[in-house]
Amino acid sequence: MQPALTYKEPSKLLVVAAFAAVYTFWGSTYIGIALAIKTTPPFLMAAIRFFGAGIILFIWCIAKREKIPDVISVSKNSLAGILMLFFGTTSLIWAEQYLPAGLSSVIIATTPFWFVILDKRNWSKNFSDKFIIFGLIVGLAGIVMLSANKKSINLQGDKMQLISFFVLLFGSVSWAIGSLYSKYTITNGSTSMKVSFQMMAAGLSALLVSVVSGEYNNSLWSHISMTSINAMLYLITFGSLVGFIAYIWLLDVRPPAIVGTYAYVNPIVAMFLGWWILNEKITSAQIIALFIILSGVLLVNLSKYKK
């Protein structure tokens, strides 16, 4: 019989910092993606972003003399990375060719809904907590209002917009599945080592699709602009290294439904940066919708705050 493992509650400051990183940095990645794919093919961009961040983190772990996990742990982490980053985030990268960054962030904001539905281990807790249920409903209502005041998806006339809409929904479901798998699957290695294999696996998957689809062979490196390069560097550092590590760590110390509330805040950040960087307009109706979304985040977290 193995001795019980002691659990030490992480510092509140560290938890707040991790949530701030996921809320703000990931919100800004929608703009970074839009700038990066202007001159870089989407799957190639995803491959550069994820494998670049993964190999940097892996080298850093080796420099710290961290032990490389066993083959089974590497395989499990790789699968989680493919579900979250390849099927999840790369679907967003691909879809932003046809959908505005702000609208894409609104669609991705359905993620907390999938967390509650798919997290079977916490069904009794989630569906019995009136604050979580009401918070999700309020948040989704705000998302609907926000979407109604942005450029509508042309479901009848634009085939690629329609396809992109469903690709993003699939990506949000895949992200939730991968996140829950990562949380509940026991693997060896530090969080940093775990994330490095997740990102490298996603990067290699994106590269494979880029090569098979002919995207890689038809790409001209000389056509990639400095703006796209700078955007990719930002995505690698703040989007993948800082943001994703904070997210994986939060999954270990907080319930998935609470961690998933980042999807409510990201559209707010994306909209503000769209106004600031891409000169997008912000209406009073959009501001009201953002207030409703934040209210949903507060309600979802209310039970945790009380504790």
Protein backbone atom coordinates (compact mmCIF):
# COMPACT_ATOMS: atom_id res chain seq x y z
CA MET A 1 0.00 0.00 0.00
CA GLN A 2 1.45 3.34 -1.10
CA PRO A 3 1.52 6.25 1.35
CA ALA A 4 -0.96 9.06 0.69
CA LEU A 5 0.49 12.00 -1.16
CA THR A 6 0.30 15.33 0.60
CA TYR A 7 -1.20 18.22 -1.37
CA LYS A 8 -0.05 21.75 -0.86
CA GLU A 9 -2.43 24.50 -1.91
CA PRO A 10 -0.62 26.87 -4.31
CA SER A 11 -0.30 30.50 -3.39
CA LYS A 12 -3.24 32.69 -4.32
CA LEU A 13 -0.90 35.19 -5.99
CA LEU A 14 0.47 32.48 -8.28
CA VAL A 15 -3.03 31.32 -9.19
CA VAL A 16 -4.10 34.89 -9.97
CA ALA A 17 -0.98 35.43 -12.10
CA ALA A 18 -1.65 32.22 -14.04
CA PHE A 19 -5.27 33.19 -14.69
CA ALA A 20 -4.14 36.68 -15.77
CA ALA A 21 -1.71 35.13 -18.26
CA VAL A 22 -4.37 32.83 -19.73
CA TYR A 23 -7.00 35.58 -19.81
CA THR A 24 -4.87 38.33 -21.39
CA PHE A 25 -2.15 36.64 -23.44
CA TRP A 26 -4.54 34.17 -25.02
CA GLY A 27 -6.98 36.98 -25.77
CA SER A 28 -4.23 38.77 -27.68
CA THR A 29 -3.30 35.66 -29.69
CA TYR A 30 -6.40 36.11 -31.86
CA ILE A 31 -4.87 39.32 -33.18
CA GLY A 32 -1.42 37.70 -33.39
CA ILE A 33 -2.83 34.85 -35.49
CA ALA A 34 -4.60 37.29 -37.82
CA LEU A 35 -1.31 39.13 -38.41
CA ALA A 36 0.79 35.96 -38.72
CA ILE A 37 -1.33 34.21 -41.36
CA LYS A 38 -1.41 37.26 -43.63
CA THR A 39 1.78 36.02 -45.29
CA THR A 40 2.28 32.57 -43.68
CA PRO A 41 0.15 29.50 -44.58
CA PRO A 42 -1.94 28.43 -41.52
CA PHE A 43 -0.63 24.89 -40.98
CA LEU A 44 2.97 25.97 -41.52
CA MET A 45 2.46 28.82 -39.07
CA ALA A 46 1.00 26.39 -36.51
CA ALA A 47 3.95 24.03 -37.01
CA ILE A 48 6.48 26.82 -36.48
CA ARG A 49 4.64 28.16 -33.43
CA PHE A 50 4.08 24.91 -31.58
CA PHE A 51 7.23 22.99 -32.45
CA GLY A 52 9.35 26.11 -31.93
CA ALA A 53 7.89 26.70 -28.48
CA GLY A 54 8.05 22.99 -27.64
CA ILE A 55 11.70 22.52 -28.57
CA ILE A 56 12.70 25.68 -26.68
CA LEU A 57 10.93 24.44 -23.57
CA PHE A 58 12.39 20.94 -23.95
CA ILE A 59 15.93 22.31 -24.19
CA TRP A 60 15.28 24.44 -21.12
CA CYS A 61 14.10 21.37 -19.21
CA ILE A 62 17.19 19.41 -20.25
CA ALA A 63 19.41 22.32 -19.19
CA LYS A 64 17.76 22.10 -15.76
CA ARG A 65 18.58 18.38 -15.81
CA GLU A 66 14.98 17.30 -15.61
CA LYS A 67 14.41 13.63 -16.30
CA ILE A 68 12.82 12.69 -19.64
CA PRO A 69 9.52 10.85 -18.95
CA ASP A 70 8.93 7.24 -19.95
CA VAL A 71 7.52 6.32 -23.37
CA ILE A 72 3.98 5.86 -22.08
CA SER A 73 3.98 9.30 -20.47
CA VAL A 74 5.38 10.87 -23.64
CA SER A 75 2.66 9.17 -25.71
CA LYS A 76 -0.13 10.32 -23.40
CA ASN A 77 1.17 13.91 -23.33
CA SER A 78 1.55 13.88 -27.11
CA LEU A 79 -2.06 12.78 -27.54
CA ALA A 80 -3.24 15.55 -25.21
CA GLY A 81 -1.21 18.08 -27.20
CA ILE A 82 -2.65 16.89 -30.52
CA LEU A 83 -6.21 17.14 -29.16
CA MET A 84 -5.74 20.59 -27.61
CA LEU A 85 -3.24 22.34 -29.84
CA PHE A 86 -3.54 20.64 -33.24
CA PHE A 87 -7.27 19.95 -33.44
CA GLY A 88 -8.14 22.80 -31.06
CA THR A 89 -5.88 25.79 -31.72
CA THR A 90 -4.88 24.92 -35.29
CA SER A 91 -8.57 24.84 -36.24
CA LEU A 92 -8.70 28.45 -35.03
CA ILE A 93 -5.60 29.36 -37.04
CA TRP A 94 -7.12 27.82 -40.17
CA ALA A 95 -10.56 29.41 -39.62
CA GLU A 96 -9.18 32.92 -39.20
CA GLN A 97 -8.48 32.89 -42.94
CA TYR A 98 -12.23 33.26 -43.44
CA LEU A 99 -13.60 34.67 -40.17
CA PRO A 100 -12.69 37.89 -38.29
CA ALA A 101 -10.52 37.43 -35.20
CA GLY A 102 -13.15 38.87 -32.85
CA LEU A 103 -15.92 36.68 -34.19
CA SER A 104 -13.67 33.63 -33.96
CA SER A 105 -13.03 34.37 -30.29
CA VAL A 106 -16.78 34.53 -29.68
CA ILE A 107 -17.30 31.07 -31.21
CA ILE A 108 -14.43 29.62 -29.18
CA ALA A 109 -16.09 31.09 -26.07
CA THR A 110 -18.48 28.11 -26.11
CA THR A 111 -15.64 26.06 -24.58
CA PRO A 112 -16.83 26.27 -20.93
CA PHE A 113 -20.11 24.75 -22.05
CA TRP A 114 -18.26 21.68 -23.38
CA PHE A 115 -16.20 21.45 -20.19
CA VAL A 116 -19.31 21.10 -18.07
CA ILE A 117 -20.92 18.56 -20.43
CA LEU A 118 -17.81 16.41 -20.96
CA ASP A 119 -16.35 16.46 -17.44
CA LYS A 120 -18.12 13.28 -16.31
CA ARG A 121 -16.20 13.09 -13.04
CA ASN A 122 -17.71 16.40 -11.92
CA TRP A 123 -21.22 16.00 -13.33
CA SER A 124 -22.82 15.68 -9.91
CA LYS A 125 -20.98 18.74 -8.65
CA ASN A 126 -21.39 20.93 -11.76
CA PHE A 127 -25.05 20.16 -12.37
CA SER A 128 -25.94 20.62 -8.72
CA ASP A 129 -24.18 23.99 -8.40
CA LYS A 130 -26.73 26.64 -9.35
CA PHE A 131 -24.05 29.31 -9.64
CA ILE A 132 -22.02 27.37 -12.23
CA ILE A 133 -25.12 26.55 -14.29
CA PHE A 134 -26.53 30.07 -14.07
CA GLY A 135 -23.10 31.56 -14.79
CA LEU A 136 -22.72 29.49 -17.94
CA ILE A 137 -26.20 30.50 -19.10
CA VAL A 138 -25.51 34.18 -18.44
CA GLY A 139 -22.14 33.97 -20.18
CA LEU A 140 -23.62 32.27 -23.22
CA ALA A 141 -26.36 34.92 -23.35
CA GLY A 142 -23.68 37.59 -23.46
CA ILE A 143 -21.88 35.73 -26.21
CA VAL A 144 -25.07 35.54 -28.28
CA MET A 145 -25.60 39.28 -27.84
CA LEU A 146 -21.98 40.00 -28.74
CA SER A 147 -22.22 37.85 -31.85
CA ALA A 148 -25.48 39.51 -32.93
CA ASN A 149 -23.75 42.88 -33.06
CA LYS A 150 -20.76 41.80 -35.09
CA LYS A 151 -20.51 40.89 -38.74
CA SER A 152 -22.80 37.88 -39.17
CA ILE A 153 -21.60 34.58 -40.55
CA ASN A 154 -22.95 34.22 -44.08
CA LEU A 155 -24.43 30.75 -43.63
CA GLN A 156 -26.05 30.75 -47.06
CA GLY A 157 -23.77 32.62 -49.40
CA ASP A 158 -20.25 31.93 -48.15
CA LYS A 159 -19.40 28.23 -48.04
CA MET A 160 -16.00 28.71 -46.39
CA GLN A 161 -17.45 30.82 -43.58
CA LEU A 162 -19.99 28.10 -42.88
CA ILE A 163 -17.29 25.41 -42.87
CA SER A 164 -15.07 27.57 -40.64
CA PHE A 165 -17.92 28.02 -38.17
CA PHE A 166 -18.29 24.25 -37.69
CA VAL A 167 -14.52 23.71 -37.70
CA LEU A 168 -14.24 26.13 -34.78
CA LEU A 169 -17.01 24.37 -32.89
CA PHE A 170 -15.21 21.06 -33.44
CA GLY A 171 -11.98 22.68 -32.28
CA SER A 172 -13.54 23.94 -29.04
CA VAL A 173 -14.90 20.45 -28.29
CA SER A 174 -11.51 18.89 -29.06
CA TRP A 175 -9.79 21.43 -26.79
CA ALA A 176 -12.11 20.51 -23.91
CA ILE A 177 -11.56 16.77 -24.48
CA GLY A 178 -7.78 17.21 -24.58
CA SER A 179 -7.79 19.40 -21.49
CA LEU A 180 -9.80 16.89 -19.48
CA TYR A 181 -7.60 14.06 -20.73
CA SER A 182 -4.50 16.01 -19.68
CA LYS A 183 -5.98 16.71 -16.25
CA TYR A 184 -7.10 13.19 -15.41
CA THR A 185 -4.31 11.16 -17.05
CA ILE A 186 -1.42 10.36 -14.73
CA THR A 187 1.98 10.90 -16.36
CA ASN A 188 5.56 11.30 -15.17
CA GLY A 189 7.59 14.46 -15.54
CA SER A 190 7.31 18.12 -14.61
CA THR A 191 4.67 20.43 -16.02
CA SER A 192 7.26 22.05 -18.28
CA MET A 193 8.41 18.70 -19.66
CA LYS A 194 4.80 17.62 -20.16
CA VAL A 195 3.96 20.81 -22.08
CA SER A 196 7.07 20.53 -24.26
CA PHE A 197 5.99 17.15 -25.61
CA GLN A 198 2.42 18.36 -26.08
CA MET A 199 3.57 21.31 -28.17
CA MET A 200 6.13 19.35 -30.19
CA ALA A 201 3.53 16.68 -31.02
CA ALA A 202 1.06 19.35 -32.17
CA GLY A 203 3.76 21.09 -34.21
CA LEU A 204 4.78 17.87 -35.97
CA SER A 205 1.12 17.08 -36.69
CA ALA A 206 0.61 20.52 -38.24
CA LEU A 207 3.80 20.12 -40.28
CA LEU A 208 2.64 16.73 -41.55
CA VAL A 209 -0.68 18.21 -42.72
CA SER A 210 1.19 21.14 -44.30
CA VAL A 211 3.41 18.76 -46.29
CA VAL A 212 0.65 16.31 -47.29
CA SER A 213 -1.71 19.11 -48.39
CA GLY A 214 1.02 20.66 -50.54
CA GLU A 215 0.99 23.85 -48.49
CA TYR A 216 4.63 23.50 -47.42
CA ASN A 217 6.01 22.90 -50.93
CA ASN A 218 4.08 25.85 -52.33
CA SER A 219 5.24 28.23 -49.61
CA LEU A 220 7.78 30.93 -50.39
CA TRP A 221 9.76 31.90 -47.30
CA SER A 222 10.77 35.18 -48.91
CA HIS A 223 7.10 36.23 -48.97
CA ILE A 224 6.75 36.06 -45.18
CA SER A 225 6.61 39.64 -43.90
CA MET A 226 8.37 41.02 -40.84
CA THR A 227 4.96 41.67 -39.28
CA SER A 228 4.08 37.98 -39.56
CA ILE A 229 7.48 36.97 -38.14
CA ASN A 230 7.05 39.28 -35.14
CA ALA A 231 3.52 37.96 -34.63
CA MET A 232 4.80 34.36 -34.65
CA LEU A 233 7.50 35.24 -32.14
CA TYR A 234 4.84 36.72 -29.86
CA LEU A 235 2.66 33.62 -30.27
CA ILE A 236 5.61 31.35 -29.45
CA THR A 237 6.66 33.23 -26.31
CA PHE A 238 3.52 34.66 -24.71
CA GLY A 239 0.85 32.57 -26.40
CA SER A 240 2.50 29.15 -26.14
CA LEU A 241 5.32 29.23 -23.59
CA VAL A 242 3.82 31.54 -20.94
CA GLY A 243 0.10 31.10 -21.62
CA PHE A 244 -0.03 27.36 -22.24
CA ILE A 245 2.22 26.46 -19.30
CA ALA A 246 -0.01 28.56 -17.04
CA TYR A 247 -3.08 26.80 -18.45
CA ILE A 248 -1.75 23.26 -17.94
CA TRP A 249 -0.68 24.16 -14.41
CA LEU A 250 -4.13 25.60 -13.63
CA LEU A 251 -5.74 22.35 -14.78
CA ASP A 252 -3.79 20.59 -12.04
CA VAL A 253 -4.89 22.94 -9.26
CA ARG A 254 -8.37 24.16 -10.25
CA PRO A 255 -11.57 22.52 -11.63
CA PRO A 256 -11.78 22.41 -15.46
CA ALA A 257 -15.06 24.37 -15.53
CA ILE A 258 -13.35 27.22 -13.65
CA VAL A 259 -10.20 27.16 -15.80
CA GLY A 260 -12.38 27.12 -18.91
CA THR A 261 -13.79 30.55 -18.09
CA TYR A 262 -10.82 32.03 -19.98
CA ALA A 263 -12.99 31.60 -23.07
CA TYR A 264 -15.38 34.23 -21.69
CA VAL A 265 -12.65 36.81 -21.13
CA ASN A 266 -10.64 36.23 -24.30
CA PRO A 267 -13.27 37.84 -26.58
CA ILE A 268 -13.08 41.00 -24.46
CA VAL A 269 -9.32 41.21 -24.89
CA ALA A 270 -9.58 40.31 -28.57
CA MET A 271 -12.18 43.01 -29.17
CA PHE A 272 -10.19 45.69 -27.37
CA LEU A 273 -7.00 44.85 -29.26
CA GLY A 274 -8.97 44.66 -32.50
CA TRP A 275 -10.11 48.23 -31.86
CA TRP A 276 -6.63 49.36 -30.86
CA ILE A 277 -4.52 47.54 -33.46
CA LEU A 278 -6.90 46.70 -36.31
CA ASN A 279 -9.13 49.80 -35.98
CA GLU A 280 -12.31 47.80 -35.35
CA LYS A 281 -15.32 49.71 -33.97
CA ILE A 282 -16.75 49.02 -30.51
CA THR A 283 -20.45 49.83 -30.01
CA SER A 284 -22.41 50.39 -26.82
CA ALA A 285 -24.24 47.09 -27.42
CA GLN A 286 -20.91 45.28 -27.50
CA ILE A 287 -19.86 46.88 -24.21
CA ILE A 288 -23.13 45.70 -22.59
CA ALA A 289 -22.51 42.19 -23.93
CA LEU A 290 -19.01 42.20 -22.46
CA PHE A 291 -20.43 43.19 -19.07
CA ILE A 292 -22.86 40.26 -19.24
CA ILE A 293 -20.02 37.87 -20.09
CA LEU A 294 -17.95 39.08 -17.14
CA SER A 295 -20.97 38.57 -14.91
CA GLY A 296 -21.11 34.96 -16.10
CA VAL A 297 -17.43 34.49 -15.22
CA LEU A 298 -18.09 35.86 -11.73
CA LEU A 299 -21.04 33.52 -11.19
CA VAL A 300 -19.10 30.45 -12.37
CA ASN A 301 -16.31 31.29 -9.93
CA LEU A 302 -18.58 32.35 -7.08
CA SER A 303 -18.65 28.97 -5.32
CA LYS A 304 -14.85 28.82 -5.41
CA TYR A 305 -14.58 32.37 -4.08
CA LYS A 306 -16.84 31.47 -1.15
CA LYS A 307 -14.59 28.55 -0.26
